[in-house]
Amino acid sequence: MTNAMTDPVLIAKIGQTIWGASWQAPMAAALKQPLRTVEEWSTGRLPVPLETWKDLREAARQQYLKLADLDAEIVRAFDDAYQRAMAGKR
């Protein structure tokens, strides 16, 4: 048996991971929902609708893809810096 996160905990974790500490307003904007609705999801006063989970999954997927694109750029920058450092030691 798994210890699944409750909806309010998961909503907060997704929000903080994607949008940072002040996540509720950006999440509301991204999902085209009133801020109050997101606040109520995060407290458990309202259940998170089925369609919202799909939308949040897509938002998380988009963030993942952006980070994956950045990874290649970070590797390139590291390689360039390494080459400069090695050239300076000659």
C-alpha atoms as a PDB file:
ATOM      1  CA  MET A   1       0.000   0.000   0.000  1.00  0.00           C
ATOM      2  CA  THR A   2       1.371   3.426  -0.941  1.00  0.00           C
ATOM      3  CA  ASN A   3       1.232   6.593   1.103  1.00  0.00           C
ATOM      4  CA  ALA A   4      -0.266   8.855  -1.556  1.00  0.00           C
ATOM      5  CA  MET A   5      -0.278  12.581  -0.919  1.00  0.00           C
ATOM      6  CA  THR A   6      -3.603  14.186  -0.204  1.00  0.00           C
ATOM      7  CA  ASP A   7      -4.949  16.498  -2.891  1.00  0.00           C
ATOM      8  CA  PRO A   8      -4.152  19.697  -0.932  1.00  0.00           C
ATOM      9  CA  VAL A   9      -0.579  18.536  -0.296  1.00  0.00           C
ATOM     10  CA  LEU A  10      -0.098  17.525  -3.927  1.00  0.00           C
ATOM     11  CA  ILE A  11      -1.594  20.775  -5.263  1.00  0.00           C
ATOM     12  CA  ALA A  12       0.780  22.767  -3.042  1.00  0.00           C
ATOM     13  CA  LYS A  13       3.780  20.653  -4.056  1.00  0.00           C
ATOM     14  CA  ILE A  14       3.000  21.059  -7.759  1.00  0.00           C
ATOM     15  CA  GLY A  15       2.398  24.772  -7.313  1.00  0.00           C
ATOM     16  CA  GLN A  16       5.597  25.391  -5.370  1.00  0.00           C
ATOM     17  CA  THR A  17       7.661  23.314  -7.776  1.00  0.00           C
ATOM     18  CA  ILE A  18       6.403  25.041 -10.919  1.00  0.00           C
ATOM     19  CA  TRP A  19       5.651  28.592  -9.719  1.00  0.00           C
ATOM     20  CA  GLY A  20       7.652  28.996  -6.511  1.00  0.00           C
ATOM     21  CA  ALA A  21       6.667  30.135  -3.027  1.00  0.00           C
ATOM     22  CA  SER A  22       3.855  32.446  -4.190  1.00  0.00           C
ATOM     23  CA  TRP A  23       2.298  29.786  -6.398  1.00  0.00           C
ATOM     24  CA  GLN A  24      -1.449  30.185  -5.968  1.00  0.00           C
ATOM     25  CA  ALA A  25      -2.009  33.248  -8.177  1.00  0.00           C
ATOM     26  CA  PRO A  26       0.179  31.951 -11.044  1.00  0.00           C
ATOM     27  CA  MET A  27      -1.544  28.565 -10.845  1.00  0.00           C
ATOM     28  CA  ALA A  28      -4.942  30.237 -10.934  1.00  0.00           C
ATOM     29  CA  ALA A  29      -3.913  32.236 -13.991  1.00  0.00           C
ATOM     30  CA  ALA A  30      -2.459  29.191 -15.760  1.00  0.00           C
ATOM     31  CA  LEU A  31      -5.608  27.168 -15.107  1.00  0.00           C
ATOM     32  CA  LYS A  32      -7.947  30.113 -15.805  1.00  0.00           C
ATOM     33  CA  GLN A  33      -9.514  29.703 -12.375  1.00  0.00           C
ATOM     34  CA  PRO A  34     -10.326  32.266  -9.700  1.00  0.00           C
ATOM     35  CA  LEU A  35      -7.628  32.594  -7.055  1.00  0.00           C
ATOM     36  CA  ARG A  36     -10.216  31.699  -4.413  1.00  0.00           C
ATOM     37  CA  THR A  37     -10.807  28.335  -6.112  1.00  0.00           C
ATOM     38  CA  VAL A  38      -7.099  27.457  -6.007  1.00  0.00           C
ATOM     39  CA  GLU A  39      -6.975  28.544  -2.362  1.00  0.00           C
ATOM     40  CA  GLU A  40      -9.904  26.251  -1.592  1.00  0.00           C
ATOM     41  CA  TRP A  41      -8.232  23.328  -3.377  1.00  0.00           C
ATOM     42  CA  SER A  42      -5.092  23.931  -1.333  1.00  0.00           C
ATOM     43  CA  THR A  43      -7.021  23.788   1.935  1.00  0.00           C
ATOM     44  CA  GLY A  44      -9.173  20.834   0.927  1.00  0.00           C
ATOM     45  CA  ARG A  45     -12.403  22.827   1.127  1.00  0.00           C
ATOM     46  CA  LEU A  46     -13.053  22.036  -2.539  1.00  0.00           C
ATOM     47  CA  PRO A  47     -12.088  18.870  -4.394  1.00  0.00           C
ATOM     48  CA  VAL A  48      -9.766  19.279  -7.359  1.00  0.00           C
ATOM     49  CA  PRO A  49     -11.768  18.550 -10.527  1.00  0.00           C
ATOM     50  CA  LEU A  50     -10.724  15.743 -12.842  1.00  0.00           C
ATOM     51  CA  GLU A  51      -9.949  18.094 -15.745  1.00  0.00           C
ATOM     52  CA  THR A  52      -7.710  20.201 -13.493  1.00  0.00           C
ATOM     53  CA  TRP A  53      -5.430  17.235 -12.827  1.00  0.00           C
ATOM     54  CA  LYS A  54      -4.991  16.848 -16.595  1.00  0.00           C
ATOM     55  CA  ASP A  55      -4.186  20.561 -16.902  1.00  0.00           C
ATOM     56  CA  LEU A  56      -1.684  20.378 -14.043  1.00  0.00           C
ATOM     57  CA  ARG A  57      -0.019  17.361 -15.594  1.00  0.00           C
ATOM     58  CA  GLU A  58       0.380  19.291 -18.828  1.00  0.00           C
ATOM     59  CA  ALA A  59       1.823  22.286 -16.955  1.00  0.00           C
ATOM     60  CA  ALA A  60       4.319  19.980 -15.217  1.00  0.00           C
ATOM     61  CA  ARG A  61       5.205  18.340 -18.534  1.00  0.00           C
ATOM     62  CA  GLN A  62       5.834  21.733 -20.138  1.00  0.00           C
ATOM     63  CA  GLN A  63       8.150  22.703 -17.264  1.00  0.00           C
ATOM     64  CA  TYR A  64       9.998  19.417 -17.639  1.00  0.00           C
ATOM     65  CA  LEU A  65      10.522  20.081 -21.356  1.00  0.00           C
ATOM     66  CA  LYS A  66      11.804  23.603 -20.669  1.00  0.00           C
ATOM     67  CA  LEU A  67      14.270  22.214 -18.131  1.00  0.00           C
ATOM     68  CA  ALA A  68      15.357  19.484 -20.537  1.00  0.00           C
ATOM     69  CA  ASP A  69      16.113  22.159 -23.140  1.00  0.00           C
ATOM     70  CA  LEU A  70      18.132  24.096 -20.577  1.00  0.00           C
ATOM     71  CA  ASP A  71      20.135  20.997 -19.684  1.00  0.00           C
ATOM     72  CA  ALA A  72      21.727  20.897 -23.128  1.00  0.00           C
ATOM     73  CA  GLU A  73      22.603  24.602 -22.831  1.00  0.00           C
ATOM     74  CA  ILE A  74      24.131  24.070 -19.388  1.00  0.00           C
ATOM     75  CA  VAL A  75      26.252  21.202 -20.711  1.00  0.00           C
ATOM     76  CA  ARG A  76      27.394  23.396 -23.630  1.00  0.00           C
ATOM     77  CA  ALA A  77      28.294  26.253 -21.257  1.00  0.00           C
ATOM     78  CA  PHE A  78      30.187  23.855 -19.009  1.00  0.00           C
ATOM     79  CA  ASP A  79      32.108  22.432 -21.970  1.00  0.00           C
ATOM     80  CA  ASP A  80      32.987  25.947 -23.171  1.00  0.00           C
ATOM     81  CA  ALA A  81      34.144  26.969 -19.682  1.00  0.00           C
ATOM     82  CA  TYR A  82      36.177  23.776 -19.367  1.00  0.00           C
ATOM     83  CA  GLN A  83      37.876  24.402 -22.688  1.00  0.00           C
ATOM     84  CA  ARG A  84      38.736  27.974 -21.650  1.00  0.00           C
ATOM     85  CA  ALA A  85      40.091  26.757 -18.311  1.00  0.00           C
ATOM     86  CA  MET A  86      42.233  24.094 -19.954  1.00  0.00           C
ATOM     87  CA  ALA A  87      43.527  26.566 -22.559  1.00  0.00           C
ATOM     88  CA  GLY A  88      44.575  28.894 -19.723  1.00  0.00           C
ATOM     89  CA  LYS A  89      46.655  26.139 -18.088  1.00  0.00           C
ATOM     90  CA  ARG A  90      48.850  25.582 -21.123  1.00  0.00           C
END
